[in-house]
């Protein structure tokens, strides 16, 4: 499973043939607390436990970067999606690393 840092996400997105999705797998309260706003990806929110039931909502032709708080939940989701045939990477360090590397205005929690 490919790991990319938040700082590498923009370059990764530019290399894709289709506009990628940033799949935020955190809970709704976490998304309200701190959220990434990438220009080069479309943000989709699906809490981790809802992914299997909502799998058909994801476009299999678009690359996906999975994001959570620190990277553990998103790693599990990325692995699951890869097994389902999706092109997927994990954003190592999650939204916490996003705040440190990309946008310091994103709250750390």
N, C-alpha and C. Protein backbone atom coordinates (compact mmCIF):
# COMPACT_ATOMS: atom_id res chain seq x y z
N UNK A 1 0.84 -1.18 0.00
CA UNK A 1 0.00 0.00 0.00
C UNK A 1 0.88 1.24 0.00
N UNK A 2 0.66 2.10 -0.96
CA UNK A 2 1.46 3.32 -1.05
C UNK A 2 1.04 4.31 0.03
N UNK A 3 2.03 4.86 0.70
CA UNK A 3 1.84 5.90 1.71
C UNK A 3 2.35 7.21 1.12
N UNK A 4 1.56 8.26 1.25
CA UNK A 4 2.03 9.58 0.86
C UNK A 4 1.79 10.54 2.02
N UNK A 5 2.61 11.55 2.11
CA UNK A 5 2.42 12.56 3.15
C UNK A 5 1.45 13.61 2.64
N UNK A 6 0.85 14.36 3.53
CA UNK A 6 0.00 15.46 3.08
C UNK A 6 0.74 16.43 2.15
N UNK A 7 2.02 16.65 2.41
CA UNK A 7 2.82 17.55 1.58
C UNK A 7 2.98 17.01 0.16
N UNK A 8 2.90 15.70 -0.03
CA UNK A 8 3.04 15.07 -1.34
C UNK A 8 1.72 14.93 -2.08
N UNK A 9 0.62 15.18 -1.41
CA UNK A 9 -0.71 14.92 -1.98
C UNK A 9 -0.99 15.71 -3.25
N UNK A 10 -0.62 16.97 -3.27
CA UNK A 10 -0.88 17.81 -4.45
C UNK A 10 -0.14 17.27 -5.67
N UNK A 11 1.12 16.90 -5.51
CA UNK A 11 1.89 16.34 -6.63
C UNK A 11 1.31 15.00 -7.08
N UNK A 12 0.91 14.17 -6.11
CA UNK A 12 0.29 12.89 -6.45
C UNK A 12 -0.98 13.11 -7.26
N UNK A 13 -1.80 14.06 -6.85
CA UNK A 13 -3.05 14.35 -7.54
C UNK A 13 -2.79 14.81 -8.97
N UNK A 14 -1.75 15.62 -9.16
CA UNK A 14 -1.42 16.13 -10.49
C UNK A 14 -0.98 15.02 -11.44
N UNK A 15 -0.47 13.93 -10.91
CA UNK A 15 -0.01 12.80 -11.73
C UNK A 15 -1.14 11.88 -12.18
N UNK A 16 -2.33 12.05 -11.62
CA UNK A 16 -3.44 11.14 -11.91
C UNK A 16 -4.15 11.53 -13.22
N UNK A 17 -4.66 10.54 -13.92
CA UNK A 17 -5.36 10.81 -15.18
C UNK A 17 -6.79 11.30 -14.93
N UNK A 18 -7.35 10.99 -13.78
CA UNK A 18 -8.68 11.47 -13.39
C UNK A 18 -8.54 12.27 -12.10
N UNK A 19 -9.44 13.20 -11.89
CA UNK A 19 -9.42 13.98 -10.64
C UNK A 19 -9.64 13.02 -9.46
N UNK A 20 -8.71 13.00 -8.51
CA UNK A 20 -8.83 12.07 -7.39
C UNK A 20 -9.82 12.52 -6.32
N UNK A 21 -10.12 11.57 -5.45
CA UNK A 21 -10.99 11.78 -4.30
C UNK A 21 -10.14 11.73 -3.04
N UNK A 22 -10.36 12.66 -2.14
CA UNK A 22 -9.81 12.58 -0.80
C UNK A 22 -10.92 12.02 0.07
N UNK A 23 -10.79 10.76 0.45
CA UNK A 23 -11.82 10.07 1.23
C UNK A 23 -11.50 10.20 2.71
N UNK A 24 -12.27 11.03 3.38
CA UNK A 24 -12.09 11.25 4.82
C UNK A 24 -12.94 10.23 5.56
N UNK A 25 -12.29 9.34 6.30
CA UNK A 25 -13.00 8.22 6.95
C UNK A 25 -13.22 8.47 8.44
N UNK A 26 -13.03 9.70 8.90
CA UNK A 26 -13.25 10.04 10.30
C UNK A 26 -14.74 10.20 10.60
N UNK A 27 -15.06 10.31 11.86
CA UNK A 27 -16.44 10.53 12.29
C UNK A 27 -16.85 11.97 11.96
N UNK A 28 -18.16 12.21 11.91
CA UNK A 28 -18.68 13.53 11.54
C UNK A 28 -18.16 14.63 12.48
N UNK A 29 -18.09 14.35 13.78
CA UNK A 29 -17.61 15.38 14.72
C UNK A 29 -16.15 15.72 14.45
N UNK A 30 -15.37 14.75 13.99
CA UNK A 30 -13.97 15.01 13.68
C UNK A 30 -13.85 15.91 12.45
N UNK A 31 -14.68 15.63 11.46
CA UNK A 31 -14.68 16.45 10.24
C UNK A 31 -15.08 17.89 10.56
N UNK A 32 -16.04 18.06 11.47
CA UNK A 32 -16.46 19.40 11.88
C UNK A 32 -15.36 20.11 12.67
N UNK A 33 -14.55 19.35 13.39
CA UNK A 33 -13.47 19.91 14.19
C UNK A 33 -12.31 20.38 13.32
N UNK A 34 -11.94 19.56 12.33
CA UNK A 34 -10.79 19.87 11.47
C UNK A 34 -11.00 19.21 10.13
N UNK A 35 -10.85 19.98 9.06
CA UNK A 35 -11.08 19.44 7.73
C UNK A 35 -10.04 19.93 6.73
N UNK A 36 -9.62 19.03 5.86
CA UNK A 36 -8.71 19.39 4.77
C UNK A 36 -9.54 19.98 3.63
N UNK A 37 -8.98 20.94 2.96
CA UNK A 37 -9.65 21.59 1.82
C UNK A 37 -8.71 21.60 0.62
N UNK A 38 -8.46 20.45 0.03
CA UNK A 38 -7.52 20.39 -1.10
C UNK A 38 -8.13 20.94 -2.38
N UNK A 39 -7.36 21.72 -3.12
CA UNK A 39 -7.84 22.26 -4.38
C UNK A 39 -7.86 21.20 -5.48
N UNK A 40 -6.96 20.25 -5.41
CA UNK A 40 -6.77 19.31 -6.52
C UNK A 40 -7.49 17.98 -6.34
N UNK A 41 -8.29 17.84 -5.27
CA UNK A 41 -9.04 16.62 -5.02
C UNK A 41 -10.45 16.97 -4.58
N UNK A 42 -11.38 16.04 -4.78
CA UNK A 42 -12.74 16.22 -4.29
C UNK A 42 -12.86 15.53 -2.94
N UNK A 43 -13.28 16.26 -1.92
CA UNK A 43 -13.43 15.71 -0.58
C UNK A 43 -14.74 14.93 -0.48
N UNK A 44 -14.64 13.68 -0.04
CA UNK A 44 -15.81 12.83 0.21
C UNK A 44 -15.68 12.32 1.64
N UNK A 45 -16.76 12.45 2.40
CA UNK A 45 -16.75 11.98 3.79
C UNK A 45 -17.57 10.70 3.90
N UNK A 46 -16.92 9.64 4.38
CA UNK A 46 -17.57 8.37 4.69
C UNK A 46 -16.90 7.80 5.93
N UNK A 47 -17.57 7.84 7.07
CA UNK A 47 -16.96 7.24 8.26
C UNK A 47 -16.56 5.79 8.00
N UNK A 48 -15.47 5.39 8.61
CA UNK A 48 -14.88 4.08 8.37
C UNK A 48 -15.90 2.94 8.38
N UNK A 49 -16.74 2.89 9.40
CA UNK A 49 -17.65 1.76 9.53
C UNK A 49 -18.73 1.72 8.45
N UNK A 50 -18.92 2.81 7.71
CA UNK A 50 -19.95 2.84 6.67
C UNK A 50 -19.42 2.42 5.30
N UNK A 51 -18.11 2.28 5.17
CA UNK A 51 -17.50 2.02 3.86
C UNK A 51 -18.06 0.76 3.18
N UNK A 52 -18.10 -0.40 3.84
CA UNK A 52 -18.60 -1.59 3.13
C UNK A 52 -20.01 -1.42 2.57
N UNK A 53 -20.90 -0.80 3.33
CA UNK A 53 -22.28 -0.62 2.89
C UNK A 53 -22.41 0.44 1.80
N UNK A 54 -21.45 1.37 1.75
CA UNK A 54 -21.53 2.49 0.80
C UNK A 54 -20.53 2.36 -0.35
N UNK A 55 -19.95 1.20 -0.51
CA UNK A 55 -18.91 0.98 -1.51
C UNK A 55 -19.35 1.40 -2.91
N UNK A 56 -20.60 1.17 -3.25
CA UNK A 56 -21.09 1.51 -4.59
C UNK A 56 -21.17 3.02 -4.84
N UNK A 57 -21.03 3.82 -3.80
CA UNK A 57 -21.03 5.27 -3.96
C UNK A 57 -19.69 5.80 -4.46
N UNK A 58 -18.66 4.96 -4.39
CA UNK A 58 -17.32 5.37 -4.83
C UNK A 58 -17.11 5.01 -6.29
N UNK A 59 -16.54 5.92 -7.04
CA UNK A 59 -16.26 5.73 -8.47
C UNK A 59 -14.95 4.95 -8.62
N UNK A 60 -15.05 3.75 -9.16
CA UNK A 60 -13.87 2.88 -9.31
C UNK A 60 -12.87 3.42 -10.34
N UNK A 61 -13.26 4.41 -11.14
CA UNK A 61 -12.34 4.95 -12.15
C UNK A 61 -11.47 6.08 -11.60
N UNK A 62 -11.80 6.54 -10.40
CA UNK A 62 -11.06 7.68 -9.83
C UNK A 62 -10.12 7.21 -8.74
N UNK A 63 -8.88 7.70 -8.73
CA UNK A 63 -7.96 7.36 -7.65
C UNK A 63 -8.45 7.96 -6.33
N UNK A 64 -8.15 7.26 -5.24
CA UNK A 64 -8.61 7.66 -3.91
C UNK A 64 -7.42 7.78 -2.97
N UNK A 65 -7.39 8.87 -2.21
CA UNK A 65 -6.44 9.04 -1.11
C UNK A 65 -7.26 9.02 0.17
N UNK A 66 -6.95 8.10 1.07
CA UNK A 66 -7.69 7.95 2.32
C UNK A 66 -7.05 8.77 3.43
N UNK A 67 -7.88 9.42 4.24
CA UNK A 67 -7.43 10.31 5.31
C UNK A 67 -8.22 10.05 6.58
N UNK A 68 -7.53 10.05 7.71
CA UNK A 68 -8.19 10.00 9.01
C UNK A 68 -7.46 10.94 9.97
N UNK A 69 -7.48 10.64 11.26
CA UNK A 69 -6.84 11.52 12.24
C UNK A 69 -5.32 11.41 12.20
N UNK A 70 -4.80 10.19 12.34
CA UNK A 70 -3.35 9.98 12.35
C UNK A 70 -2.88 9.00 11.28
N UNK A 71 -3.77 8.33 10.59
CA UNK A 71 -3.37 7.43 9.51
C UNK A 71 -3.68 5.96 9.70
N UNK A 72 -4.10 5.55 10.89
CA UNK A 72 -4.36 4.12 11.13
C UNK A 72 -5.68 3.66 10.52
N UNK A 73 -6.76 4.39 10.77
CA UNK A 73 -8.06 4.00 10.19
C UNK A 73 -8.02 4.08 8.67
N UNK A 74 -7.43 5.15 8.17
CA UNK A 74 -7.37 5.31 6.71
C UNK A 74 -6.52 4.21 6.07
N UNK A 75 -5.50 3.75 6.77
CA UNK A 75 -4.68 2.64 6.26
C UNK A 75 -5.53 1.38 6.13
N UNK A 76 -6.37 1.10 7.11
CA UNK A 76 -7.25 -0.06 7.05
C UNK A 76 -8.25 0.06 5.90
N UNK A 77 -8.83 1.25 5.75
CA UNK A 77 -9.78 1.48 4.65
C UNK A 77 -9.08 1.37 3.30
N UNK A 78 -7.90 1.95 3.19
CA UNK A 78 -7.14 1.88 1.92
C UNK A 78 -6.85 0.43 1.56
N UNK A 79 -6.47 -0.37 2.53
CA UNK A 79 -6.20 -1.79 2.28
C UNK A 79 -7.48 -2.49 1.80
N UNK A 80 -8.60 -2.23 2.46
CA UNK A 80 -9.88 -2.81 2.07
C UNK A 80 -10.25 -2.40 0.64
N UNK A 81 -10.12 -1.11 0.33
CA UNK A 81 -10.47 -0.62 -1.00
C UNK A 81 -9.56 -1.22 -2.07
N UNK A 82 -8.30 -1.36 -1.77
CA UNK A 82 -7.37 -1.98 -2.72
C UNK A 82 -7.79 -3.42 -3.01
N UNK A 83 -8.25 -4.13 -1.99
CA UNK A 83 -8.73 -5.50 -2.19
C UNK A 83 -9.98 -5.53 -3.06
N UNK A 84 -10.72 -4.44 -3.06
CA UNK A 84 -11.95 -4.34 -3.87
C UNK A 84 -11.66 -3.83 -5.28
N UNK A 85 -10.39 -3.58 -5.60
CA UNK A 85 -10.02 -3.17 -6.95
C UNK A 85 -9.87 -1.68 -7.16
N UNK A 86 -9.92 -0.88 -6.11
CA UNK A 86 -9.75 0.56 -6.24
C UNK A 86 -8.27 0.91 -6.31
N UNK A 87 -7.96 2.00 -7.00
CA UNK A 87 -6.61 2.58 -6.98
C UNK A 87 -6.57 3.52 -5.79
N UNK A 88 -5.76 3.20 -4.80
CA UNK A 88 -5.84 3.92 -3.53
C UNK A 88 -4.46 4.09 -2.89
N UNK A 89 -4.31 5.22 -2.18
CA UNK A 89 -3.13 5.49 -1.36
C UNK A 89 -3.62 5.92 0.02
N UNK A 90 -2.72 5.84 0.98
CA UNK A 90 -3.04 6.30 2.33
C UNK A 90 -2.26 7.59 2.61
N UNK A 91 -2.95 8.55 3.22
CA UNK A 91 -2.30 9.79 3.63
C UNK A 91 -1.71 9.57 5.02
N UNK A 92 -0.41 9.33 5.06
CA UNK A 92 0.28 9.03 6.31
C UNK A 92 0.24 10.23 7.25
N UNK A 93 -0.09 9.97 8.49
CA UNK A 93 -0.13 11.04 9.48
C UNK A 93 -1.46 11.74 9.59
N UNK A 94 -2.35 11.51 8.61
CA UNK A 94 -3.71 12.02 8.66
C UNK A 94 -3.85 13.53 8.73
N UNK A 95 -5.00 13.95 9.27
CA UNK A 95 -5.29 15.38 9.35
C UNK A 95 -4.33 16.09 10.30
N UNK A 96 -3.79 15.36 11.26
CA UNK A 96 -2.79 15.95 12.17
C UNK A 96 -1.56 16.39 11.36
N UNK A 97 -1.06 15.49 10.51
CA UNK A 97 0.09 15.83 9.67
C UNK A 97 -0.28 16.92 8.65
N UNK A 98 -1.53 16.92 8.20
CA UNK A 98 -2.00 17.95 7.27
C UNK A 98 -1.80 19.33 7.91
N UNK A 99 -2.19 19.44 9.17
CA UNK A 99 -2.04 20.70 9.89
C UNK A 99 -0.57 21.10 10.01
N UNK A 100 0.30 20.14 10.22
CA UNK A 100 1.73 20.41 10.39
C UNK A 100 2.43 20.73 9.07
N UNK A 101 2.02 20.06 7.96
CA UNK A 101 2.75 20.15 6.69
C UNK A 101 2.12 21.07 5.65
N UNK A 102 0.80 21.19 5.67
CA UNK A 102 0.11 21.87 4.57
C UNK A 102 -0.61 23.14 5.02
N UNK A 103 -1.41 23.03 6.06
CA UNK A 103 -2.26 24.16 6.45
C UNK A 103 -2.32 24.29 7.98
N UNK A 104 -1.50 25.16 8.55
CA UNK A 104 -1.47 25.30 10.01
C UNK A 104 -2.76 25.88 10.60
N UNK A 105 -3.68 26.36 9.76
CA UNK A 105 -4.96 26.85 10.29
C UNK A 105 -5.91 25.71 10.61
N UNK A 106 -5.61 24.50 10.15
CA UNK A 106 -6.43 23.33 10.48
C UNK A 106 -6.14 22.97 11.94
N UNK A 107 -7.19 22.95 12.77
CA UNK A 107 -6.98 22.67 14.20
C UNK A 107 -6.40 21.27 14.44
N UNK A 108 -5.57 21.18 15.46
CA UNK A 108 -5.04 19.90 15.92
C UNK A 108 -5.90 19.48 17.10
N UNK A 109 -6.31 18.23 17.10
CA UNK A 109 -7.14 17.74 18.22
C UNK A 109 -6.66 16.39 18.67
